[in-house]
Amino acid sequence: MKLLHPQELEVFYFIPAIRKELSVQMKKKGKGQREIANLLGITEAAVSQYISSKRATGVKLEKKIKEEISKSVDKIKNPLDSVRETQQILAFLRRSRLICKYHHKFLKFIPKNCDVCQVQNR
């Protein structure tokens, strides 16, 4: 798949990678697959694939991103919290200009007039 916009990286790579890391960290904290699926608002099959590394392998998250994700694990009590926390993690990625870094890695250039990483705290 050819990506044209940094937002596509978020949708096709970062959100699944974040869900994967959330699943792995929740599993380490003793949560079962069904509970993780319910908390993240995804299927048990998806959780199983995330945990077994059969899904969302396109982006290897850096340590500082995993640390940011770990701050979210205990805050997630329902799927809406999961969406909120995922948005917070994406905002961290933008503020840190990490999405542009990955975009450059995947496409070998940053698109002209790209403002994804210019998003300010709202």
C-alpha atoms as a PDB file:
ATOM      1  CA  MET A   1       0.000   0.000   0.000  1.00  0.00           C
ATOM      2  CA  LYS A   2       1.402   3.377  -0.969  1.00  0.00           C
ATOM      3  CA  LEU A   3       0.879   6.032   1.671  1.00  0.00           C
ATOM      4  CA  LEU A   4       0.421   9.618   0.635  1.00  0.00           C
ATOM      5  CA  HIS A   5      -0.398  11.418   3.868  1.00  0.00           C
ATOM      6  CA  PRO A   6       0.931  11.256   7.414  1.00  0.00           C
ATOM      7  CA  GLN A   7      -2.644  10.745   8.638  1.00  0.00           C
ATOM      8  CA  GLU A   8      -2.637   7.410   6.827  1.00  0.00           C
ATOM      9  CA  LEU A   9       0.317   6.358   8.965  1.00  0.00           C
ATOM     10  CA  GLU A  10      -1.807   7.057  12.034  1.00  0.00           C
ATOM     11  CA  VAL A  11      -4.747   5.017  10.798  1.00  0.00           C
ATOM     12  CA  PHE A  12      -2.953   2.087   9.199  1.00  0.00           C
ATOM     13  CA  TYR A  13       0.137   1.811  11.394  1.00  0.00           C
ATOM     14  CA  PHE A  14       0.132   3.815  14.622  1.00  0.00           C
ATOM     15  CA  ILE A  15      -3.353   3.080  15.937  1.00  0.00           C
ATOM     16  CA  PRO A  16      -2.881  -0.690  15.470  1.00  0.00           C
ATOM     17  CA  ALA A  17       0.619  -0.467  16.998  1.00  0.00           C
ATOM     18  CA  ILE A  18      -0.792   1.438  19.985  1.00  0.00           C
ATOM     19  CA  ARG A  19      -3.582  -1.129  20.421  1.00  0.00           C
ATOM     20  CA  LYS A  20      -1.022  -3.897  20.199  1.00  0.00           C
ATOM     21  CA  GLU A  21       1.163  -2.353  22.898  1.00  0.00           C
ATOM     22  CA  LEU A  22      -1.870  -1.651  25.100  1.00  0.00           C
ATOM     23  CA  SER A  23      -2.924  -5.303  24.699  1.00  0.00           C
ATOM     24  CA  VAL A  24       0.546  -6.590  25.574  1.00  0.00           C
ATOM     25  CA  GLN A  25       0.864  -4.331  28.606  1.00  0.00           C
ATOM     26  CA  MET A  26      -2.637  -5.179  29.846  1.00  0.00           C
ATOM     27  CA  LYS A  27      -1.871  -8.885  29.456  1.00  0.00           C
ATOM     28  CA  LYS A  28       1.305  -8.418  31.537  1.00  0.00           C
ATOM     29  CA  LYS A  29      -0.868  -6.830  34.241  1.00  0.00           C
ATOM     30  CA  GLY A  30      -2.958 -10.001  34.381  1.00  0.00           C
ATOM     31  CA  LYS A  31      -5.954  -9.053  32.270  1.00  0.00           C
ATOM     32  CA  GLY A  32      -7.502 -11.763  30.102  1.00  0.00           C
ATOM     33  CA  GLN A  33      -8.121 -11.493  26.369  1.00  0.00           C
ATOM     34  CA  ARG A  34     -11.866 -10.977  26.753  1.00  0.00           C
ATOM     35  CA  GLU A  35     -11.351  -8.202  29.294  1.00  0.00           C
ATOM     36  CA  ILE A  36      -8.738  -6.506  27.098  1.00  0.00           C
ATOM     37  CA  ALA A  37     -11.038  -6.768  24.073  1.00  0.00           C
ATOM     38  CA  ASN A  38     -13.888  -5.202  26.051  1.00  0.00           C
ATOM     39  CA  LEU A  39     -11.674  -2.398  27.367  1.00  0.00           C
ATOM     40  CA  LEU A  40     -10.270  -1.565  23.931  1.00  0.00           C
ATOM     41  CA  GLY A  41     -13.534  -2.087  22.036  1.00  0.00           C
ATOM     42  CA  ILE A  42     -12.011  -4.671  19.685  1.00  0.00           C
ATOM     43  CA  THR A  43     -12.475  -8.398  19.118  1.00  0.00           C
ATOM     44  CA  GLU A  44     -10.813 -11.120  21.159  1.00  0.00           C
ATOM     45  CA  ALA A  45      -9.291 -12.417  17.918  1.00  0.00           C
ATOM     46  CA  ALA A  46      -7.590  -9.052  17.366  1.00  0.00           C
ATOM     47  CA  VAL A  47      -6.235  -9.094  20.929  1.00  0.00           C
ATOM     48  CA  SER A  48      -4.942 -12.625  20.409  1.00  0.00           C
ATOM     49  CA  GLN A  49      -3.170 -11.567  17.213  1.00  0.00           C
ATOM     50  CA  TYR A  50      -1.720  -8.440  18.836  1.00  0.00           C
ATOM     51  CA  ILE A  51      -0.346 -10.447  21.765  1.00  0.00           C
ATOM     52  CA  SER A  52       1.124 -13.151  19.521  1.00  0.00           C
ATOM     53  CA  SER A  53       2.701 -10.512  17.211  1.00  0.00           C
ATOM     54  CA  LYS A  54       0.711 -11.665  14.180  1.00  0.00           C
ATOM     55  CA  ARG A  55      -0.839  -8.229  13.751  1.00  0.00           C
ATOM     56  CA  ALA A  56       0.369  -4.613  13.743  1.00  0.00           C
ATOM     57  CA  THR A  57       3.996  -5.359  13.038  1.00  0.00           C
ATOM     58  CA  GLY A  58       4.557  -2.486  10.583  1.00  0.00           C
ATOM     59  CA  VAL A  59       5.802  -0.029  13.201  1.00  0.00           C
ATOM     60  CA  LYS A  60       8.295  -0.880  15.918  1.00  0.00           C
ATOM     61  CA  LEU A  61       7.539   1.585  18.683  1.00  0.00           C
ATOM     62  CA  GLU A  62      10.412   3.337  20.387  1.00  0.00           C
ATOM     63  CA  LYS A  63      10.903   3.085  24.141  1.00  0.00           C
ATOM     64  CA  LYS A  64       9.585   6.609  24.806  1.00  0.00           C
ATOM     65  CA  ILE A  65       6.363   5.782  22.942  1.00  0.00           C
ATOM     66  CA  LYS A  66       5.925   2.573  24.934  1.00  0.00           C
ATOM     67  CA  GLU A  67       6.479   4.568  28.124  1.00  0.00           C
ATOM     68  CA  GLU A  68       3.750   6.992  27.054  1.00  0.00           C
ATOM     69  CA  ILE A  69       1.424   4.056  26.346  1.00  0.00           C
ATOM     70  CA  SER A  70       2.151   2.557  29.766  1.00  0.00           C
ATOM     71  CA  LYS A  71       0.767   5.738  31.366  1.00  0.00           C
ATOM     72  CA  SER A  72      -2.559   5.007  29.659  1.00  0.00           C
ATOM     73  CA  VAL A  73      -3.004   1.351  30.615  1.00  0.00           C
ATOM     74  CA  ASP A  74      -4.526   1.912  34.061  1.00  0.00           C
ATOM     75  CA  LYS A  75      -6.678   4.822  32.862  1.00  0.00           C
ATOM     76  CA  ILE A  76      -8.655   2.636  30.455  1.00  0.00           C
ATOM     77  CA  LYS A  77     -11.895   1.443  32.052  1.00  0.00           C
ATOM     78  CA  ASN A  78     -14.054   1.237  28.896  1.00  0.00           C
ATOM     79  CA  PRO A  79     -13.788   1.616  25.096  1.00  0.00           C
ATOM     80  CA  LEU A  80     -14.367   5.376  25.245  1.00  0.00           C
ATOM     81  CA  ASP A  81     -11.352   5.727  27.561  1.00  0.00           C
ATOM     82  CA  SER A  82      -9.391   3.663  25.052  1.00  0.00           C
ATOM     83  CA  VAL A  83     -10.235   6.078  22.244  1.00  0.00           C
ATOM     84  CA  ARG A  84      -9.377   9.070  24.437  1.00  0.00           C
ATOM     85  CA  GLU A  85      -6.046   7.601  25.512  1.00  0.00           C
ATOM     86  CA  THR A  86      -5.166   6.601  21.942  1.00  0.00           C
ATOM     87  CA  GLN A  87      -5.814  10.205  20.878  1.00  0.00           C
ATOM     88  CA  GLN A  88      -3.544  11.416  23.700  1.00  0.00           C
ATOM     89  CA  ILE A  89      -0.775   9.075  22.545  1.00  0.00           C
ATOM     90  CA  LEU A  90      -1.174  10.257  18.941  1.00  0.00           C
ATOM     91  CA  ALA A  91      -0.982  13.856  20.165  1.00  0.00           C
ATOM     92  CA  PHE A  92       2.266  12.957  21.952  1.00  0.00           C
ATOM     93  CA  LEU A  93       3.587  11.473  18.689  1.00  0.00           C
ATOM     94  CA  ARG A  94       2.708  14.660  16.822  1.00  0.00           C
ATOM     95  CA  ARG A  95       4.201  16.975  19.469  1.00  0.00           C
ATOM     96  CA  SER A  96       7.369  14.891  19.458  1.00  0.00           C
ATOM     97  CA  ARG A  97       7.426  14.994  15.631  1.00  0.00           C
ATOM     98  CA  LEU A  98       7.634  11.192  15.650  1.00  0.00           C
ATOM     99  CA  ILE A  99       4.907  10.740  13.044  1.00  0.00           C
ATOM    100  CA  CYS A 100       6.939  12.853  10.610  1.00  0.00           C
ATOM    101  CA  LYS A 101      10.034  10.824  11.488  1.00  0.00           C
ATOM    102  CA  TYR A 102       8.213   7.585  10.644  1.00  0.00           C
ATOM    103  CA  HIS A 103       6.651   9.164   7.559  1.00  0.00           C
ATOM    104  CA  HIS A 104      10.138  10.019   6.337  1.00  0.00           C
ATOM    105  CA  LYS A 105      11.278   6.462   7.110  1.00  0.00           C
ATOM    106  CA  PHE A 106       8.414   4.900   5.132  1.00  0.00           C
ATOM    107  CA  LEU A 107       8.269   7.307   2.192  1.00  0.00           C
ATOM    108  CA  LYS A 108      11.767   8.787   2.215  1.00  0.00           C
ATOM    109  CA  PHE A 109      10.322  12.307   2.254  1.00  0.00           C
ATOM    110  CA  ILE A 110       7.997  14.538   4.244  1.00  0.00           C
ATOM    111  CA  PRO A 111       5.184  15.954   2.100  1.00  0.00           C
ATOM    112  CA  LYS A 112       5.191  19.659   1.334  1.00  0.00           C
ATOM    113  CA  ASN A 113       3.014  21.690   3.677  1.00  0.00           C
ATOM    114  CA  CYS A 114       2.722  18.769   6.091  1.00  0.00           C
ATOM    115  CA  ASP A 115       1.261  20.098   9.322  1.00  0.00           C
ATOM    116  CA  VAL A 116       0.518  16.851  11.169  1.00  0.00           C
ATOM    117  CA  CYS A 117       3.357  17.386  13.621  1.00  0.00           C
ATOM    118  CA  GLN A 118       2.543  21.061  14.050  1.00  0.00           C
ATOM    119  CA  VAL A 119      -0.613  20.268  16.035  1.00  0.00           C
ATOM    120  CA  GLN A 120      -0.510  22.101  19.357  1.00  0.00           C
ATOM    121  CA  ASN A 121      -2.014  20.976  22.653  1.00  0.00           C
ATOM    122  CA  ARG A 122      -5.672  21.813  22.618  1.00  0.00           C
END
